[in-house]
């Protein structure tokens, strides 16, 4: 951490689950590559952390057909977790990105509970700051149940990961549930150190001329500014129900958005889809938050966490 950054962002310094962060601004998995791709646009050391592209036990080629389509105030995607697999990540990618002064948070997905444990153990290395569990994927052993919509299944994933790593474990909640608070309480009880939310909403688009779905996978994850009110509401609800820190995400594209999530109870925020439209957006959010705190005569960003007045 450079002295200039230390002075510039003094108000923004924070810590989550023992991880020191220069700012509470992170980047969401799947929207920022492995961090190195944005090094020309962003001071990576200024970010609270980079949640790298989703990693699985074996390589995945992803879905066929159209994978991304733009929607009003957002986008739909069905990438299908395309990635080279954890072994290539450890052997080739991690040594490269470890050279940057940033917290590397690895997002992992498994088809079974056991796979999460294997991945957690393999990634229990010094260069990794934490792991984030993506539970919005099919549970093959249980006949297609999605871990992220079943409190017991999500809790089982957390327990398995915790049993195989000393790193902080972040559980990423899916919004595609009836009661987000029930899910949050279940994973907190299972030992999650941090909860991040929300993942994408399930959406669809139809081409009226071909009469076929635009996406090759028919449905996909909806993200961007259009989902922000839903994400903010869920962060507020979960923050009132759990004691562990929260990383809020979902449609954040300005410093004002980030401030809202912090006031709602998030200890940090992650920027996703906005990185596609402005690769330097996270730096602008850091600047905006710093100026906002200065105008409010607030010395630490932690003072506004959960400070919404109801």
Protein backbone atom coordinates (compact mmCIF):
# COMPACT_ATOMS: atom_id res chain seq x y z
CA UNK A 1 0.00 0.00 0.00
CA UNK A 2 1.54 3.29 -1.07
CA UNK A 3 1.69 6.32 1.22
CA UNK A 4 -0.33 8.35 -1.30
CA UNK A 5 -3.17 5.84 -1.25
CA UNK A 6 -2.98 5.66 2.53
CA UNK A 7 -3.47 9.44 2.82
CA UNK A 8 -5.97 9.72 -0.01
CA UNK A 9 -8.37 7.12 1.31
CA UNK A 10 -7.82 7.35 5.05
CA UNK A 11 -11.55 7.75 5.69
CA UNK A 12 -12.28 4.66 3.62
CA UNK A 13 -9.99 2.21 5.40
CA UNK A 14 -11.92 -0.73 6.80
CA UNK A 15 -11.64 -4.39 7.74
CA UNK A 16 -13.96 -7.34 7.14
CA UNK A 17 -13.45 -10.77 8.72
CA UNK A 18 -9.85 -9.86 9.48
CA UNK A 19 -9.12 -8.70 5.92
CA UNK A 20 -7.69 -5.18 5.83
CA UNK A 21 -9.10 -3.12 2.96
CA UNK A 22 -7.94 0.27 1.68
CA UNK A 23 -11.52 1.03 0.67
CA UNK A 24 -14.89 -0.72 1.06
CA UNK A 25 -15.18 -0.92 -2.75
CA UNK A 26 -14.69 -4.36 -4.29
CA UNK A 27 -15.38 -5.83 -7.71
CA UNK A 28 -17.99 -8.54 -8.24
CA UNK A 29 -17.05 -11.93 -9.61
CA UNK A 30 -17.54 -12.43 -13.33
CA UNK A 31 -17.37 -8.72 -14.16
CA UNK A 32 -13.70 -7.94 -13.58
CA UNK A 33 -11.84 -10.96 -14.94
CA UNK A 34 -8.93 -11.77 -12.66
CA UNK A 35 -8.14 -8.13 -11.98
CA UNK A 36 -5.10 -7.93 -14.23
CA UNK A 37 -7.31 -7.08 -17.22
CA UNK A 38 -8.22 -3.76 -15.58
CA UNK A 39 -4.73 -2.75 -14.40
CA UNK A 40 -4.50 -0.02 -17.07
CA UNK A 41 -7.69 1.64 -15.81
CA UNK A 42 -7.73 0.99 -12.06
CA UNK A 43 -5.29 1.22 -9.16
CA UNK A 44 -5.89 -2.34 -7.98
CA UNK A 45 -4.29 -1.63 -4.60
CA UNK A 46 -7.01 0.92 -3.92
CA UNK A 47 -9.77 -1.68 -4.13
CA UNK A 48 -10.96 -3.50 -1.03
CA UNK A 49 -10.63 -6.70 -2.99
CA UNK A 50 -11.13 -8.35 -6.35
CA UNK A 51 -13.61 -11.21 -6.47
CA UNK A 52 -12.13 -13.09 -9.40
CA UNK A 53 -13.97 -14.97 -12.13
CA UNK A 54 -15.88 -18.03 -10.91
CA UNK A 55 -13.71 -21.12 -10.51
CA UNK A 56 -14.77 -24.78 -10.63
CA UNK A 57 -13.01 -28.08 -9.94
CA UNK A 58 -12.78 -29.03 -13.61
CA UNK A 59 -12.55 -26.78 -16.68
CA UNK A 60 -15.89 -25.59 -18.07
CA UNK A 61 -16.56 -24.41 -21.62
CA UNK A 62 -19.71 -22.54 -20.68
CA UNK A 63 -23.04 -22.37 -22.45
CA UNK A 64 -23.61 -22.47 -26.19
CA UNK A 65 -25.31 -19.73 -28.20
CA UNK A 66 -25.79 -16.10 -27.23
CA UNK A 67 -24.52 -15.52 -23.70
CA UNK A 68 -25.11 -11.80 -23.11
CA UNK A 69 -27.84 -9.39 -24.13
CA UNK A 70 -28.50 -5.81 -23.12
CA UNK A 71 -31.75 -4.92 -21.37
CA UNK A 72 -33.23 -1.59 -20.25
CA UNK A 73 -30.89 -0.37 -17.50
CA UNK A 74 -29.10 -3.70 -17.30
CA UNK A 75 -28.02 -6.93 -18.94
CA UNK A 76 -28.81 -10.63 -19.04
CA UNK A 77 -26.04 -13.22 -19.07
CA UNK A 78 -25.77 -16.99 -19.15
CA UNK A 79 -22.01 -17.47 -19.44
CA UNK A 80 -22.22 -20.88 -17.79
CA UNK A 81 -19.19 -20.52 -15.51
CA UNK A 82 -16.67 -20.82 -18.34
CA UNK A 83 -13.23 -21.12 -16.71
CA UNK A 84 -10.02 -23.17 -17.00
CA UNK A 85 -10.52 -24.97 -13.68
CA UNK A 86 -8.89 -24.59 -10.29
CA UNK A 87 -5.61 -26.32 -11.17
CA UNK A 88 -4.84 -23.90 -14.01
CA UNK A 89 -5.91 -21.02 -11.79
CA UNK A 90 -3.46 -22.09 -9.09
CA UNK A 91 -0.59 -22.92 -11.45
CA UNK A 92 -0.84 -20.06 -13.94
CA UNK A 93 -3.30 -17.30 -13.00
CA UNK A 94 -2.73 -16.86 -9.27
CA UNK A 95 1.08 -16.43 -9.53
CA UNK A 96 0.48 -13.61 -12.06
CA UNK A 97 -2.17 -11.70 -10.15
CA UNK A 98 -0.45 -12.22 -6.79
CA UNK A 99 2.09 -9.64 -7.97
CA UNK A 100 -0.54 -6.93 -7.63
CA UNK A 101 -1.16 -5.33 -4.25
CA UNK A 102 -4.77 -6.48 -3.91
CA UNK A 103 -6.91 -8.87 -1.88
CA UNK A 104 -7.69 -11.84 -4.12
CA UNK A 105 -11.08 -13.35 -3.27
CA UNK A 106 -11.84 -16.52 -5.22
CA UNK A 107 -15.45 -17.25 -6.17
CA UNK A 108 -16.04 -21.01 -6.33
CA UNK A 109 -18.90 -23.17 -7.60
CA UNK A 110 -19.48 -26.89 -7.11
CA UNK A 111 -21.93 -29.51 -8.32
CA UNK A 112 -21.88 -31.30 -4.97
CA UNK A 113 -21.24 -30.33 -1.37
CA UNK A 114 -18.01 -32.31 -1.47
CA UNK A 115 -16.69 -30.29 -4.40
CA UNK A 116 -16.91 -27.09 -2.37
CA UNK A 117 -14.76 -28.71 0.31
CA UNK A 118 -12.16 -29.85 -2.20
CA UNK A 119 -12.00 -26.40 -3.80
CA UNK A 120 -11.78 -24.66 -0.42
CA UNK A 121 -8.85 -26.86 0.59
CA UNK A 122 -7.01 -26.38 -2.72
CA UNK A 123 -7.38 -22.60 -2.43
CA UNK A 124 -6.18 -22.42 1.16
CA UNK A 125 -2.93 -20.78 0.06
CA UNK A 126 -1.21 -17.55 1.16
CA UNK A 127 -2.03 -15.62 -2.03
CA UNK A 128 -5.79 -15.99 -1.48
CA UNK A 129 -7.44 -13.61 1.00
CA UNK A 130 -10.85 -15.33 1.14
CA UNK A 131 -13.20 -17.56 -0.79
CA UNK A 132 -16.71 -16.70 -1.92
CA UNK A 133 -19.20 -19.53 -2.30
CA UNK A 134 -21.46 -19.24 -5.33
CA UNK A 135 -24.45 -21.42 -4.49
CA UNK A 136 -26.59 -20.51 -7.48
CA UNK A 137 -25.82 -23.73 -9.30
CA UNK A 138 -27.47 -27.18 -9.57
CA UNK A 139 -26.79 -29.75 -6.87
CA UNK A 140 -26.27 -32.83 -9.01
CA UNK A 141 -26.48 -35.37 -6.19
CA UNK A 142 -29.82 -34.02 -4.98
CA UNK A 143 -31.61 -34.15 -8.32
CA UNK A 144 -31.15 -30.58 -9.51
CA UNK A 145 -31.83 -28.62 -6.31
CA UNK A 146 -30.15 -25.23 -6.41
CA UNK A 147 -28.06 -24.78 -3.26
CA UNK A 148 -28.93 -21.11 -3.13
CA UNK A 149 -32.68 -21.64 -2.71
CA UNK A 150 -32.55 -24.29 0.03
CA UNK A 151 -31.41 -23.11 3.49
CA UNK A 152 -30.25 -26.59 4.55
CA UNK A 153 -28.32 -27.15 1.33
CA UNK A 154 -26.65 -23.73 1.51
CA UNK A 155 -25.72 -24.32 5.16
CA UNK A 156 -24.20 -27.70 4.25
CA UNK A 157 -21.99 -26.01 1.65
CA UNK A 158 -20.78 -23.46 4.21
CA UNK A 159 -19.96 -26.15 6.79
CA UNK A 160 -18.05 -28.19 4.21
CA UNK A 161 -16.01 -25.21 3.07
CA UNK A 162 -15.27 -24.10 6.64
CA UNK A 163 -14.02 -27.60 7.47
CA UNK A 164 -11.43 -27.40 4.71
CA UNK A 165 -9.99 -23.89 4.89
CA UNK A 166 -8.61 -21.36 7.32
CA UNK A 167 -9.61 -18.51 5.00
CA UNK A 168 -12.67 -16.35 5.65
CA UNK A 169 -15.69 -17.87 3.92
CA UNK A 170 -18.12 -15.54 2.14
CA UNK A 171 -21.51 -16.93 1.13
CA UNK A 172 -23.13 -15.24 -1.87
CA UNK A 173 -26.91 -15.25 -1.58
CA UNK A 174 -29.29 -15.70 -4.49
CA UNK A 175 -32.25 -13.28 -4.65
CA UNK A 176 -34.38 -15.94 -6.33
CA UNK A 177 -35.94 -17.04 -3.05
CA UNK A 178 -39.13 -16.41 -1.11
CA UNK A 179 -37.38 -15.28 2.08
CA UNK A 180 -33.83 -13.91 1.87
CA UNK A 181 -33.61 -13.53 5.66
CA UNK A 182 -34.19 -17.26 6.25
CA UNK A 183 -31.33 -18.03 3.87
CA UNK A 184 -29.03 -15.50 5.55
CA UNK A 185 -29.71 -16.82 9.05
CA UNK A 186 -29.09 -20.40 7.91
CA UNK A 187 -25.66 -19.68 6.44
CA UNK A 188 -24.68 -17.49 9.38
CA UNK A 189 -25.55 -20.31 11.77
CA UNK A 190 -23.48 -22.68 9.62
CA UNK A 191 -20.41 -20.50 10.12
CA UNK A 192 -20.24 -18.07 7.20
CA UNK A 193 -17.82 -15.27 8.08
CA UNK A 194 -19.34 -12.81 5.61
CA UNK A 195 -22.51 -12.71 3.50
CA UNK A 196 -22.52 -11.13 0.06
CA UNK A 197 -25.75 -10.25 -1.75
CA UNK A 198 -27.33 -10.21 -4.15
CA UNK A 199 -26.47 -12.50 -7.01
CA UNK A 200 -28.34 -11.96 -10.28
CA UNK A 201 -32.11 -12.19 -10.65
CA UNK A 202 -33.46 -14.77 -13.08
CA UNK A 203 -34.65 -13.16 -16.31
CA UNK A 204 -35.50 -13.79 -19.96
CA UNK A 205 -35.78 -12.02 -23.32
CA UNK A 206 -37.63 -13.11 -26.47
CA UNK A 207 -36.83 -12.03 -30.02
CA UNK A 208 -40.27 -11.15 -31.41
CA UNK A 209 -39.15 -11.68 -35.01
CA UNK A 210 -37.70 -15.17 -34.62
CA UNK A 211 -40.07 -15.94 -31.71
CA UNK A 212 -37.14 -17.54 -29.92
CA UNK A 213 -35.40 -16.67 -26.66
CA UNK A 214 -32.41 -14.38 -27.20
CA UNK A 215 -30.14 -16.32 -24.87
CA UNK A 216 -28.86 -19.75 -25.80
CA UNK A 217 -29.70 -20.94 -22.29
CA UNK A 218 -33.26 -19.45 -22.57
CA UNK A 219 -32.95 -17.71 -19.18
CA UNK A 220 -30.08 -15.81 -17.63
CA UNK A 221 -28.97 -13.62 -14.77
CA UNK A 222 -30.29 -10.06 -14.75
CA UNK A 223 -27.91 -7.42 -13.41
CA UNK A 224 -27.30 -3.68 -13.61
CA UNK A 225 -29.06 -0.55 -12.29
CA UNK A 226 -32.50 -2.10 -12.85
CA UNK A 227 -32.02 -4.51 -9.93
CA UNK A 228 -30.63 -1.98 -7.43
CA UNK A 229 -33.89 -1.34 -5.50
CA UNK A 230 -34.36 -5.08 -4.98
CA UNK A 231 -30.74 -5.56 -3.90
CA UNK A 232 -30.85 -2.60 -1.52
CA UNK A 233 -34.04 -3.87 0.10
CA UNK A 234 -32.54 -7.32 0.62
CA UNK A 235 -29.31 -5.94 2.09
CA UNK A 236 -31.34 -3.83 4.52
CA UNK A 237 -33.43 -6.85 5.58
CA UNK A 238 -30.44 -9.13 6.03
CA UNK A 239 -28.38 -6.53 7.90
CA UNK A 240 -31.09 -6.30 10.54
CA UNK A 241 -31.19 -10.10 10.93
CA UNK A 242 -27.52 -11.19 11.11
CA UNK A 243 -24.37 -10.21 12.99
CA UNK A 244 -21.77 -11.06 10.34
CA UNK A 245 -20.60 -8.33 7.94
CA UNK A 246 -22.30 -7.91 4.58
CA UNK A 247 -20.90 -7.08 1.16
CA UNK A 248 -23.72 -5.43 -0.77
CA UNK A 249 -24.01 -5.61 -4.55
CA UNK A 250 -26.59 -5.27 -7.28
CA UNK A 251 -26.77 -2.34 -9.66
CA UNK A 252 -24.13 -0.15 -8.02
CA UNK A 253 -22.77 2.27 -10.62
CA UNK A 254 -22.18 5.53 -8.69
CA UNK A 255 -20.81 6.61 -5.33
CA UNK A 256 -24.35 7.55 -4.33
CA UNK A 257 -25.44 3.95 -4.94
CA UNK A 258 -22.56 2.70 -2.81
CA UNK A 259 -23.45 5.12 0.00
CA UNK A 260 -27.03 3.83 0.00
CA UNK A 261 -25.86 0.24 0.46
CA UNK A 262 -23.54 1.24 3.28
CA UNK A 263 -26.33 3.14 5.02
CA UNK A 264 -28.59 0.10 4.57
CA UNK A 265 -26.12 -2.03 6.53
CA UNK A 266 -23.44 -3.27 4.15
CA UNK A 267 -19.88 -3.02 5.46
CA UNK A 268 -18.55 -3.02 1.89
CA UNK A 269 -19.89 -2.99 -1.64
CA UNK A 270 -19.03 -4.83 -4.84
CA UNK A 271 -19.35 -3.26 -8.28
CA UNK A 272 -20.34 -5.54 -11.15
CA UNK A 273 -22.06 -4.68 -14.42
CA UNK A 274 -20.91 -1.03 -14.26
CA UNK A 275 -17.35 -2.22 -14.95
CA UNK A 276 -18.42 -3.10 -18.50
CA UNK A 277 -19.58 0.42 -19.31
CA UNK A 278 -16.82 2.27 -17.44
CA UNK A 279 -13.69 0.28 -16.55
CA UNK A 280 -12.59 3.03 -14.13
CA UNK A 281 -15.93 3.29 -12.32
CA UNK A 282 -14.60 1.84 -9.05
CA UNK A 283 -12.05 4.66 -8.76
CA UNK A 284 -14.80 7.24 -9.28
CA UNK A 285 -16.87 5.55 -6.56
CA UNK A 286 -13.91 5.64 -4.16
CA UNK A 287 -13.38 9.34 -4.88
CA UNK A 288 -17.06 10.12 -4.47
CA UNK A 289 -17.37 8.26 -1.18
CA UNK A 290 -14.27 9.99 0.18
CA UNK A 291 -15.61 13.42 -0.73
CA UNK A 292 -19.04 12.57 0.71
CA UNK A 293 -17.54 11.58 4.06
CA UNK A 294 -15.42 14.73 4.11
CA UNK A 295 -18.48 16.92 3.49
CA UNK A 296 -20.29 15.11 6.28
CA UNK A 297 -17.28 15.57 8.60
CA UNK A 298 -17.07 11.81 9.05
CA UNK A 299 -13.62 10.36 9.79
CA UNK A 300 -14.36 6.69 9.07
CA UNK A 301 -16.65 4.99 6.58
CA UNK A 302 -17.59 2.52 9.29
CA UNK A 303 -19.60 5.29 10.96
CA UNK A 304 -22.25 5.21 8.22
CA UNK A 305 -22.67 1.43 8.05
CA UNK A 306 -26.31 0.73 8.94
CA UNK A 307 -26.90 4.41 9.77
CA UNK A 308 -30.15 4.72 7.80
CA UNK A 309 -32.79 6.48 9.90
CA UNK A 310 -36.16 4.77 9.91
